All heavy atoms as atom14 arrays in JSON, in Angstrom:
{
  "sequence": "WRSRPRRPGDPIDTIEEHQRFRAALARPVPPGSVSPGSEPPGPEQGG",
  "atom14_mask": [
    [1, 1, 1, 1, 1, 1, 1, 1, 1, 1, 1, 1, 1, 1],
    [1, 1, 1, 1, 1, 1, 1, 1, 1, 1, 1, 0, 0, 0],
    [1, 1, 1, 1, 1, 1, 0, 0, 0, 0, 0, 0, 0, 0],
    [1, 1, 1, 1, 1, 1, 1, 1, 1, 1, 1, 0, 0, 0],
    [1, 1, 1, 1, 1, 1, 1, 0, 0, 0, 0, 0, 0, 0],
    [1, 1, 1, 1, 1, 1, 1, 1, 1, 1, 1, 0, 0, 0],
    [1, 1, 1, 1, 1, 1, 1, 1, 1, 1, 1, 0, 0, 0],
    [1, 1, 1, 1, 1, 1, 1, 0, 0, 0, 0, 0, 0, 0],
    [1, 1, 1, 1, 0, 0, 0, 0, 0, 0, 0, 0, 0, 0],
    [1, 1, 1, 1, 1, 1, 1, 1, 0, 0, 0, 0, 0, 0],
    [1, 1, 1, 1, 1, 1, 1, 0, 0, 0, 0, 0, 0, 0],
    [1, 1, 1, 1, 1, 1, 1, 1, 0, 0, 0, 0, 0, 0],
    [1, 1, 1, 1, 1, 1, 1, 1, 0, 0, 0, 0, 0, 0],
    [1, 1, 1, 1, 1, 1, 1, 0, 0, 0, 0, 0, 0, 0],
    [1, 1, 1, 1, 1, 1, 1, 1, 0, 0, 0, 0, 0, 0],
    [1, 1, 1, 1, 1, 1, 1, 1, 1, 0, 0, 0, 0, 0],
    [1, 1, 1, 1, 1, 1, 1, 1, 1, 0, 0, 0, 0, 0],
    [1, 1, 1, 1, 1, 1, 1, 1, 1, 1, 0, 0, 0, 0],
    [1, 1, 1, 1, 1, 1, 1, 1, 1, 0, 0, 0, 0, 0],
    [1, 1, 1, 1, 1, 1, 1, 1, 1, 1, 1, 0, 0, 0],
    [1, 1, 1, 1, 1, 1, 1, 1, 1, 1, 1, 0, 0, 0],
    [1, 1, 1, 1, 1, 1, 1, 1, 1, 1, 1, 0, 0, 0],
    [1, 1, 1, 1, 1, 0, 0, 0, 0, 0, 0, 0, 0, 0],
    [1, 1, 1, 1, 1, 0, 0, 0, 0, 0, 0, 0, 0, 0],
    [1, 1, 1, 1, 1, 1, 1, 1, 0, 0, 0, 0, 0, 0],
    [1, 1, 1, 1, 1, 0, 0, 0, 0, 0, 0, 0, 0, 0],
    [1, 1, 1, 1, 1, 1, 1, 1, 1, 1, 1, 0, 0, 0],
    [1, 1, 1, 1, 1, 1, 1, 0, 0, 0, 0, 0, 0, 0],
    [1, 1, 1, 1, 1, 1, 1, 0, 0, 0, 0, 0, 0, 0],
    [1, 1, 1, 1, 1, 1, 1, 0, 0, 0, 0, 0, 0, 0],
    [1, 1, 1, 1, 1, 1, 1, 0, 0, 0, 0, 0, 0, 0],
    [1, 1, 1, 1, 0, 0, 0, 0, 0, 0, 0, 0, 0, 0],
    [1, 1, 1, 1, 1, 1, 0, 0, 0, 0, 0, 0, 0, 0],
    [1, 1, 1, 1, 1, 1, 1, 0, 0, 0, 0, 0, 0, 0],
    [1, 1, 1, 1, 1, 1, 0, 0, 0, 0, 0, 0, 0, 0],
    [1, 1, 1, 1, 1, 1, 1, 0, 0, 0, 0, 0, 0, 0],
    [1, 1, 1, 1, 0, 0, 0, 0, 0, 0, 0, 0, 0, 0],
    [1, 1, 1, 1, 1, 1, 0, 0, 0, 0, 0, 0, 0, 0],
    [1, 1, 1, 1, 1, 1, 1, 1, 1, 0, 0, 0, 0, 0],
    [1, 1, 1, 1, 1, 1, 1, 0, 0, 0, 0, 0, 0, 0],
    [1, 1, 1, 1, 1, 1, 1, 0, 0, 0, 0, 0, 0, 0],
    [1, 1, 1, 1, 0, 0, 0, 0, 0, 0, 0, 0, 0, 0],
    [1, 1, 1, 1, 1, 1, 1, 0, 0, 0, 0, 0, 0, 0],
    [1, 1, 1, 1, 1, 1, 1, 1, 1, 0, 0, 0, 0, 0],
    [1, 1, 1, 1, 1, 1, 1, 1, 1, 0, 0, 0, 0, 0],
    [1, 1, 1, 1, 0, 0, 0, 0, 0, 0, 0, 0, 0, 0],
    [1, 1, 1, 1, 0, 0, 0, 0, 0, 0, 0, 0, 0, 0]
  ],
  "atom14_positions": [
    [[-82.29, 15.82, 64.25], [-81.34, 16.77, 64.87], [-81.0, 17.88, 63.88], [-80.93, 19.04, 64.28], [-80.09, 16.02, 65.27], [-79.02, 16.89, 65.88], [-79.04, 17.5, 67.1], [-77.79, 17.28, 65.25], [-77.93, 18.22, 67.28], [-77.11, 18.12, 66.15], [-77.23, 17.02, 64.03], [-75.91, 18.68, 65.87], [-75.98, 17.55, 63.74], [-75.34, 18.38, 64.66]],
    [[-80.8, 17.56, 62.62], [-80.43, 18.58, 61.61], [-81.6, 19.5, 61.28], [-81.38, 20.61, 60.85], [-79.93, 17.9, 60.34], [-78.6, 17.28, 60.46], [-77.5, 18.26, 60.74], [-77.36, 19.14, 59.56], [-76.66, 20.25, 59.56], [-76.07, 20.63, 60.64], [-76.59, 20.98, 58.5], [0.0, 0.0, 0.0], [0.0, 0.0, 0.0], [0.0, 0.0, 0.0]],
    [[-82.84, 19.04, 61.39], [-83.99, 19.85, 61.0], [-84.61, 20.62, 62.17], [-85.66, 21.21, 62.02], [-85.04, 18.98, 60.35], [-85.51, 18.01, 61.27], [0.0, 0.0, 0.0], [0.0, 0.0, 0.0], [0.0, 0.0, 0.0], [0.0, 0.0, 0.0], [0.0, 0.0, 0.0], [0.0, 0.0, 0.0], [0.0, 0.0, 0.0], [0.0, 0.0, 0.0]],
    [[-83.92, 20.62, 63.29], [-84.47, 21.35, 64.45], [-84.43, 22.84, 64.14], [-83.6, 23.33, 63.37], [-83.7, 21.04, 65.72], [-82.3, 21.57, 65.72], [-81.5, 21.06, 66.92], [-80.23, 21.73, 67.08], [-79.15, 21.52, 66.35], [-79.19, 20.61, 65.38], [-78.05, 22.18, 66.54], [0.0, 0.0, 0.0], [0.0, 0.0, 0.0], [0.0, 0.0, 0.0]],
    [[-85.33, 23.61, 64.72], [-85.32, 25.07, 64.46], [-84.07, 25.73, 65.02], [-83.58, 25.36, 66.1], [-86.57, 25.58, 65.17], [-87.16, 24.45, 65.91], [-86.41, 23.2, 65.59], [0.0, 0.0, 0.0], [0.0, 0.0, 0.0], [0.0, 0.0, 0.0], [0.0, 0.0, 0.0], [0.0, 0.0, 0.0], [0.0, 0.0, 0.0], [0.0, 0.0, 0.0]],
    [[-83.54, 26.65, 64.27], [-82.36, 27.37, 64.7], [-82.74, 28.42, 65.76], [-83.84, 28.97, 65.73], [-81.71, 28.08, 63.52], [-81.14, 27.13, 62.53], [-80.57, 27.86, 61.36], [-79.51, 28.75, 61.81], [-78.8, 29.54, 61.02], [-79.03, 29.51, 59.73], [-77.86, 30.31, 61.48], [0.0, 0.0, 0.0], [0.0, 0.0, 0.0], [0.0, 0.0, 0.0]],
    [[-81.86, 28.65, 66.67], [-82.06, 29.69, 67.66], [-81.9, 31.04, 66.97], [-81.11, 31.17, 66.05], [-81.07, 29.57, 68.8], [-81.24, 28.33, 69.65], [-80.18, 28.26, 70.69], [-78.95, 27.93, 70.0], [-77.75, 28.08, 70.52], [-77.6, 28.57, 71.71], [-76.66, 27.75, 69.84], [0.0, 0.0, 0.0], [0.0, 0.0, 0.0], [0.0, 0.0, 0.0]],
    [[-82.65, 32.03, 67.41], [-82.47, 33.36, 66.83], [-81.06, 33.89, 67.12], [-80.53, 33.67, 68.22], [-83.54, 34.21, 67.46], [-84.01, 33.47, 68.66], [-83.69, 32.03, 68.44], [0.0, 0.0, 0.0], [0.0, 0.0, 0.0], [0.0, 0.0, 0.0], [0.0, 0.0, 0.0], [0.0, 0.0, 0.0], [0.0, 0.0, 0.0], [0.0, 0.0, 0.0]],
    [[-80.49, 34.6, 66.18], [-79.18, 35.14, 66.37], [-79.21, 36.39, 67.22], [-80.26, 37.0, 67.43], [0.0, 0.0, 0.0], [0.0, 0.0, 0.0], [0.0, 0.0, 0.0], [0.0, 0.0, 0.0], [0.0, 0.0, 0.0], [0.0, 0.0, 0.0], [0.0, 0.0, 0.0], [0.0, 0.0, 0.0], [0.0, 0.0, 0.0], [0.0, 0.0, 0.0]],
    [[-78.06, 36.73, 67.74], [-77.95, 37.95, 68.52], [-78.09, 39.14, 67.58], [-77.39, 39.21, 66.57], [-76.57, 37.99, 69.21], [-76.4, 39.18, 70.12], [-77.43, 39.69, 70.64], [-75.25, 39.6, 70.33], [0.0, 0.0, 0.0], [0.0, 0.0, 0.0], [0.0, 0.0, 0.0], [0.0, 0.0, 0.0], [0.0, 0.0, 0.0], [0.0, 0.0, 0.0]],
    [[-78.98, 40.09, 67.87], [-79.21, 41.21, 66.94], [-77.93, 41.99, 66.61], [-77.72, 42.39, 65.49], [-80.22, 42.08, 67.65], [-80.89, 41.19, 68.62], [-79.9, 40.17, 69.0], [0.0, 0.0, 0.0], [0.0, 0.0, 0.0], [0.0, 0.0, 0.0], [0.0, 0.0, 0.0], [0.0, 0.0, 0.0], [0.0, 0.0, 0.0], [0.0, 0.0, 0.0]],
    [[-77.09, 42.2, 67.6], [-75.86, 42.96, 67.38], [-74.95, 42.22, 66.4], [-74.41, 42.82, 65.46], [-75.13, 43.24, 68.69], [-76.04, 44.01, 69.67], [-73.83, 43.96, 68.47], [-76.5, 45.36, 69.18], [0.0, 0.0, 0.0], [0.0, 0.0, 0.0], [0.0, 0.0, 0.0], [0.0, 0.0, 0.0], [0.0, 0.0, 0.0], [0.0, 0.0, 0.0]],
    [[-74.8, 40.92, 66.59], [-73.96, 40.11, 65.71], [-74.48, 40.1, 64.28], [-73.73, 40.23, 63.32], [-73.83, 38.69, 66.22], [-73.01, 38.61, 67.52], [-72.27, 39.55, 67.8], [-73.16, 37.6, 68.21], [0.0, 0.0, 0.0], [0.0, 0.0, 0.0], [0.0, 0.0, 0.0], [0.0, 0.0, 0.0], [0.0, 0.0, 0.0], [0.0, 0.0, 0.0]],
    [[-75.81, 39.91, 64.13], [-76.36, 39.84, 62.8], [-76.29, 41.18, 62.08], [-76.06, 41.2, 60.86], [-77.82, 39.35, 62.83], [-78.58, 40.16, 63.68], [-77.89, 37.9, 63.34], [0.0, 0.0, 0.0], [0.0, 0.0, 0.0], [0.0, 0.0, 0.0], [0.0, 0.0, 0.0], [0.0, 0.0, 0.0], [0.0, 0.0, 0.0], [0.0, 0.0, 0.0]],
    [[-76.41, 42.27, 62.78], [-76.27, 43.6, 62.16], [-74.85, 43.81, 61.72], [-74.6, 44.31, 60.62], [-76.76, 44.69, 63.13], [-78.27, 44.62, 63.3], [-76.35, 46.07, 62.63], [-78.83, 45.54, 64.37], [0.0, 0.0, 0.0], [0.0, 0.0, 0.0], [0.0, 0.0, 0.0], [0.0, 0.0, 0.0], [0.0, 0.0, 0.0], [0.0, 0.0, 0.0]],
    [[-73.9, 43.44, 62.57], [-72.49, 43.58, 62.21], [-72.13, 42.72, 60.98], [-71.42, 43.14, 60.1], [-71.59, 43.23, 63.38], [-71.63, 44.26, 64.49], [-70.85, 43.79, 65.74], [-70.33, 42.66, 65.72], [-70.76, 44.6, 66.66], [0.0, 0.0, 0.0], [0.0, 0.0, 0.0], [0.0, 0.0, 0.0], [0.0, 0.0, 0.0], [0.0, 0.0, 0.0]],
    [[-72.66, 41.49, 60.94], [-72.39, 40.62, 59.79], [-72.96, 41.21, 58.51], [-72.35, 41.17, 57.48], [-72.97, 39.23, 60.05], [-72.22, 38.43, 61.08], [-72.91, 37.13, 61.4], [-73.93, 36.78, 60.76], [-72.45, 36.45, 62.32], [0.0, 0.0, 0.0], [0.0, 0.0, 0.0], [0.0, 0.0, 0.0], [0.0, 0.0, 0.0], [0.0, 0.0, 0.0]],
    [[-74.16, 41.8, 58.61], [-74.79, 42.4, 57.46], [-73.98, 43.62, 56.98], [-73.81, 43.82, 55.78], [-76.23, 42.79, 57.78], [-76.97, 43.39, 56.64], [-77.3, 42.69, 55.51], [-77.43, 44.65, 56.43], [-77.92, 43.49, 54.67], [-78.01, 44.67, 55.19], [0.0, 0.0, 0.0], [0.0, 0.0, 0.0], [0.0, 0.0, 0.0], [0.0, 0.0, 0.0]],
    [[-73.51, 44.4, 57.92], [-72.69, 45.58, 57.55], [-71.4, 45.14, 56.9], [-70.95, 45.74, 55.91], [-72.42, 46.43, 58.79], [-73.65, 47.17, 59.27], [-73.42, 47.88, 60.6], [-72.47, 47.59, 61.31], [-74.33, 48.76, 60.95], [0.0, 0.0, 0.0], [0.0, 0.0, 0.0], [0.0, 0.0, 0.0], [0.0, 0.0, 0.0], [0.0, 0.0, 0.0]],
    [[-70.73, 44.09, 57.39], [-69.51, 43.6, 56.76], [-69.81, 43.06, 55.36], [-69.02, 43.29, 54.43], [-68.9, 42.48, 57.61], [-68.16, 42.98, 58.82], [-67.25, 41.91, 59.39], [-67.91, 40.61, 59.55], [-68.43, 40.15, 60.68], [-68.36, 40.89, 61.77], [-68.99, 38.98, 60.72], [0.0, 0.0, 0.0], [0.0, 0.0, 0.0], [0.0, 0.0, 0.0]],
    [[-70.94, 42.41, 55.2], [-71.32, 41.89, 53.87], [-71.56, 43.04, 52.88], [-71.06, 43.01, 51.76], [-72.6, 41.06, 54.05], [-73.18, 40.58, 52.75], [-72.57, 39.59, 52.02], [-74.36, 41.14, 52.25], [-73.1, 39.12, 50.83], [-74.92, 40.66, 51.06], [-74.27, 39.68, 50.35], [0.0, 0.0, 0.0], [0.0, 0.0, 0.0], [0.0, 0.0, 0.0]],
    [[-72.26, 44.08, 53.29], [-72.5, 45.22, 52.42], [-71.22, 45.95, 52.1], [-71.02, 46.4, 50.96], [-73.52, 46.17, 53.05], [-74.92, 45.56, 53.13], [-75.95, 46.5, 53.62], [-76.05, 47.61, 52.66], [-76.65, 48.75, 52.92], [-77.18, 48.94, 54.1], [-76.72, 49.7, 52.01], [0.0, 0.0, 0.0], [0.0, 0.0, 0.0], [0.0, 0.0, 0.0]],
    [[-70.32, 46.07, 53.08], [-69.01, 46.72, 52.82], [-68.21, 45.91, 51.83], [-67.53, 46.49, 50.94], [-68.26, 46.9, 54.13], [0.0, 0.0, 0.0], [0.0, 0.0, 0.0], [0.0, 0.0, 0.0], [0.0, 0.0, 0.0], [0.0, 0.0, 0.0], [0.0, 0.0, 0.0], [0.0, 0.0, 0.0], [0.0, 0.0, 0.0], [0.0, 0.0, 0.0]],
    [[-68.25, 44.57, 51.91], [-67.52, 43.75, 50.97], [-68.08, 43.89, 49.54], [-67.33, 43.9, 48.59], [-67.58, 42.3, 51.41], [0.0, 0.0, 0.0], [0.0, 0.0, 0.0], [0.0, 0.0, 0.0], [0.0, 0.0, 0.0], [0.0, 0.0, 0.0], [0.0, 0.0, 0.0], [0.0, 0.0, 0.0], [0.0, 0.0, 0.0], [0.0, 0.0, 0.0]],
    [[-69.39, 44.0, 49.44], [-70.0, 44.19, 48.1], [-69.68, 45.56, 47.55], [-69.63, 45.74, 46.34], [-71.49, 43.97, 48.16], [-71.97, 42.54, 48.34], [-73.48, 42.47, 48.38], [-71.45, 41.65, 47.23], [0.0, 0.0, 0.0], [0.0, 0.0, 0.0], [0.0, 0.0, 0.0], [0.0, 0.0, 0.0], [0.0, 0.0, 0.0], [0.0, 0.0, 0.0]],
    [[-69.53, 46.55, 48.4], [-69.28, 47.91, 47.94], [-67.85, 48.12, 47.48], [-67.58, 49.05, 46.72], [-69.65, 48.89, 49.04], [0.0, 0.0, 0.0], [0.0, 0.0, 0.0], [0.0, 0.0, 0.0], [0.0, 0.0, 0.0], [0.0, 0.0, 0.0], [0.0, 0.0, 0.0], [0.0, 0.0, 0.0], [0.0, 0.0, 0.0], [0.0, 0.0, 0.0]],
    [[-66.91, 47.28, 47.96], [-65.51, 47.43, 47.55], [-65.32, 47.11, 46.1], [-65.87, 46.13, 45.61], [-64.61, 46.5, 48.4], [-64.21, 47.12, 49.71], [-63.29, 46.19, 50.41], [-64.21, 45.27, 51.12], [-63.89, 44.17, 51.72], [-62.67, 43.74, 51.7], [-64.77, 43.45, 52.35], [0.0, 0.0, 0.0], [0.0, 0.0, 0.0], [0.0, 0.0, 0.0]],
    [[-64.52, 47.91, 45.4], [-64.24, 47.58, 44.0], [-63.33, 46.38, 43.87], [-62.5, 46.08, 44.79], [-63.56, 48.86, 43.43], [-62.97, 49.49, 44.65], [-63.88, 49.18, 45.81], [0.0, 0.0, 0.0], [0.0, 0.0, 0.0], [0.0, 0.0, 0.0], [0.0, 0.0, 0.0], [0.0, 0.0, 0.0], [0.0, 0.0, 0.0], [0.0, 0.0, 0.0]],
    [[-63.47, 45.67, 42.78], [-62.63, 44.49, 42.52], [-61.31, 45.0, 41.96], [-61.26, 45.77, 41.01], [-63.33, 43.54, 41.52], [-62.44, 42.36, 41.2], [-64.65, 43.12, 42.07], [0.0, 0.0, 0.0], [0.0, 0.0, 0.0], [0.0, 0.0, 0.0], [0.0, 0.0, 0.0], [0.0, 0.0, 0.0], [0.0, 0.0, 0.0], [0.0, 0.0, 0.0]],
    [[-60.17, 44.54, 42.52], [-58.89, 44.94, 41.97], [-58.77, 44.47, 40.52], [-59.22, 43.38, 40.19], [-57.87, 44.25, 42.87], [-58.6, 43.89, 44.11], [-60.03, 43.73, 43.73], [0.0, 0.0, 0.0], [0.0, 0.0, 0.0], [0.0, 0.0, 0.0], [0.0, 0.0, 0.0], [0.0, 0.0, 0.0], [0.0, 0.0, 0.0], [0.0, 0.0, 0.0]],
    [[-58.11, 45.26, 39.65], [-58.07, 44.92, 38.24], [-57.44, 43.56, 37.93], [-57.86, 42.88, 37.01], [-57.27, 46.04, 37.6], [-57.03, 47.04, 38.64], [-57.45, 46.49, 39.96], [0.0, 0.0, 0.0], [0.0, 0.0, 0.0], [0.0, 0.0, 0.0], [0.0, 0.0, 0.0], [0.0, 0.0, 0.0], [0.0, 0.0, 0.0], [0.0, 0.0, 0.0]],
    [[-56.43, 43.14, 38.65], [-55.74, 41.88, 38.31], [-56.34, 40.65, 38.96], [-55.86, 39.56, 38.72], [0.0, 0.0, 0.0], [0.0, 0.0, 0.0], [0.0, 0.0, 0.0], [0.0, 0.0, 0.0], [0.0, 0.0, 0.0], [0.0, 0.0, 0.0], [0.0, 0.0, 0.0], [0.0, 0.0, 0.0], [0.0, 0.0, 0.0], [0.0, 0.0, 0.0]],
    [[-57.42, 40.81, 39.73], [-57.96, 39.64, 40.44], [-58.95, 38.81, 39.6], [-59.3, 37.72, 39.99], [-58.65, 40.08, 41.72], [-59.79, 40.86, 41.41], [0.0, 0.0, 0.0], [0.0, 0.0, 0.0], [0.0, 0.0, 0.0], [0.0, 0.0, 0.0], [0.0, 0.0, 0.0], [0.0, 0.0, 0.0], [0.0, 0.0, 0.0], [0.0, 0.0, 0.0]],
    [[-59.39, 39.33, 38.48], [-60.34, 38.59, 37.63], [-59.6, 38.13, 36.4], [-59.0, 38.92, 35.69], [-61.54, 39.49, 37.26], [-62.49, 38.75, 36.34], [-62.26, 39.97, 38.47], [0.0, 0.0, 0.0], [0.0, 0.0, 0.0], [0.0, 0.0, 0.0], [0.0, 0.0, 0.0], [0.0, 0.0, 0.0], [0.0, 0.0, 0.0], [0.0, 0.0, 0.0]],
    [[-59.64, 36.85, 36.13], [-58.95, 36.34, 34.93], [-59.78, 36.7, 33.7], [-61.01, 36.78, 33.75], [-58.75, 34.84, 35.01], [-59.96, 34.19, 35.06], [0.0, 0.0, 0.0], [0.0, 0.0, 0.0], [0.0, 0.0, 0.0], [0.0, 0.0, 0.0], [0.0, 0.0, 0.0], [0.0, 0.0, 0.0], [0.0, 0.0, 0.0], [0.0, 0.0, 0.0]],
    [[-59.14, 36.93, 32.56], [-59.88, 37.36, 31.36], [-60.93, 36.4, 30.89], [-61.95, 36.8, 30.37], [-58.77, 37.54, 30.31], [-57.5, 37.56, 31.03], [-57.7, 36.89, 32.34], [0.0, 0.0, 0.0], [0.0, 0.0, 0.0], [0.0, 0.0, 0.0], [0.0, 0.0, 0.0], [0.0, 0.0, 0.0], [0.0, 0.0, 0.0], [0.0, 0.0, 0.0]],
    [[-60.73, 35.13, 31.07], [-61.71, 34.14, 30.59], [-62.93, 33.99, 31.48], [-63.9, 33.38, 31.1], [0.0, 0.0, 0.0], [0.0, 0.0, 0.0], [0.0, 0.0, 0.0], [0.0, 0.0, 0.0], [0.0, 0.0, 0.0], [0.0, 0.0, 0.0], [0.0, 0.0, 0.0], [0.0, 0.0, 0.0], [0.0, 0.0, 0.0], [0.0, 0.0, 0.0]],
    [[-62.92, 34.56, 32.69], [-64.01, 34.35, 33.63], [-65.04, 35.45, 33.56], [-66.07, 35.36, 34.23], [-63.47, 34.22, 35.05], [-62.92, 35.45, 35.47], [0.0, 0.0, 0.0], [0.0, 0.0, 0.0], [0.0, 0.0, 0.0], [0.0, 0.0, 0.0], [0.0, 0.0, 0.0], [0.0, 0.0, 0.0], [0.0, 0.0, 0.0], [0.0, 0.0, 0.0]],
    [[-64.81, 36.51, 32.81], [-65.77, 37.6, 32.72], [-66.9, 37.21, 31.76], [-66.68, 36.54, 30.77], [-65.08, 38.85, 32.24], [-64.07, 39.42, 33.19], [-63.38, 40.66, 32.65], [-63.9, 41.23, 31.67], [-62.39, 41.07, 33.22], [0.0, 0.0, 0.0], [0.0, 0.0, 0.0], [0.0, 0.0, 0.0], [0.0, 0.0, 0.0], [0.0, 0.0, 0.0]],
    [[-68.14, 37.63, 32.08], [-69.24, 37.3, 31.17], [-69.04, 38.08, 29.86], [-68.49, 39.17, 29.87], [-70.47, 37.77, 31.91], [-69.98, 38.7, 32.96], [-68.57, 38.32, 33.27], [0.0, 0.0, 0.0], [0.0, 0.0, 0.0], [0.0, 0.0, 0.0], [0.0, 0.0, 0.0], [0.0, 0.0, 0.0], [0.0, 0.0, 0.0], [0.0, 0.0, 0.0]],
    [[-69.5, 37.53, 28.75], [-69.33, 38.24, 27.47], [-70.12, 39.53, 27.44], [-71.27, 39.58, 27.9], [-69.82, 37.23, 26.44], [-70.7, 36.28, 27.2], [-70.2, 36.28, 28.6], [0.0, 0.0, 0.0], [0.0, 0.0, 0.0], [0.0, 0.0, 0.0], [0.0, 0.0, 0.0], [0.0, 0.0, 0.0], [0.0, 0.0, 0.0], [0.0, 0.0, 0.0]],
    [[-69.54, 40.54, 26.91], [-70.2, 41.83, 26.75], [-70.96, 41.87, 25.46], [-70.95, 40.9, 24.68], [0.0, 0.0, 0.0], [0.0, 0.0, 0.0], [0.0, 0.0, 0.0], [0.0, 0.0, 0.0], [0.0, 0.0, 0.0], [0.0, 0.0, 0.0], [0.0, 0.0, 0.0], [0.0, 0.0, 0.0], [0.0, 0.0, 0.0], [0.0, 0.0, 0.0]],
    [[-71.63, 43.01, 25.14], [-72.39, 43.09, 23.89], [-71.53, 42.93, 22.64], [-71.98, 42.38, 21.65], [-72.99, 44.5, 23.93], [-72.79, 44.99, 25.33], [-71.74, 44.17, 25.96], [0.0, 0.0, 0.0], [0.0, 0.0, 0.0], [0.0, 0.0, 0.0], [0.0, 0.0, 0.0], [0.0, 0.0, 0.0], [0.0, 0.0, 0.0], [0.0, 0.0, 0.0]],
    [[-70.28, 43.37, 22.74], [-69.4, 43.26, 21.57], [-68.95, 41.81, 21.33], [-68.49, 41.46, 20.29], [-68.17, 44.19, 21.69], [-67.23, 43.82, 22.82], [-67.67, 44.28, 24.19], [-68.65, 45.04, 24.34], [-67.01, 43.89, 25.18], [0.0, 0.0, 0.0], [0.0, 0.0, 0.0], [0.0, 0.0, 0.0], [0.0, 0.0, 0.0], [0.0, 0.0, 0.0]],
    [[-69.12, 40.94, 22.35], [-68.69, 39.55, 22.21], [-69.87, 38.61, 22.01], [-69.76, 37.41, 22.13], [-67.93, 39.12, 23.47], [-66.66, 39.9, 23.72], [-66.04, 39.57, 25.06], [-66.71, 39.03, 25.94], [-64.79, 39.92, 25.21], [0.0, 0.0, 0.0], [0.0, 0.0, 0.0], [0.0, 0.0, 0.0], [0.0, 0.0, 0.0], [0.0, 0.0, 0.0]],
    [[-71.02, 39.17, 21.71], [-72.19, 38.32, 21.45], [-73.05, 38.07, 22.7], [-73.95, 37.28, 22.67], [0.0, 0.0, 0.0], [0.0, 0.0, 0.0], [0.0, 0.0, 0.0], [0.0, 0.0, 0.0], [0.0, 0.0, 0.0], [0.0, 0.0, 0.0], [0.0, 0.0, 0.0], [0.0, 0.0, 0.0], [0.0, 0.0, 0.0], [0.0, 0.0, 0.0]],
    [[-72.73, 38.75, 23.81], [-73.53, 38.58, 25.03], [-74.74, 39.53, 24.99], [-75.02, 40.19, 24.01], [0.0, 0.0, 0.0], [0.0, 0.0, 0.0], [0.0, 0.0, 0.0], [0.0, 0.0, 0.0], [0.0, 0.0, 0.0], [0.0, 0.0, 0.0], [0.0, 0.0, 0.0], [0.0, 0.0, 0.0], [0.0, 0.0, 0.0], [0.0, 0.0, 0.0]]
  ]
}
């Protein structure tokens, strides 16, 4: 049952989902939403 082929999605829905995904990636991250310890190290920190 779990490995059955998925039905194709509605083209309009999938295009809208893709547009929402791209819009979310294009939005800048607010400055206070990332904790200082979670950022990857930069070149000055040995990264």
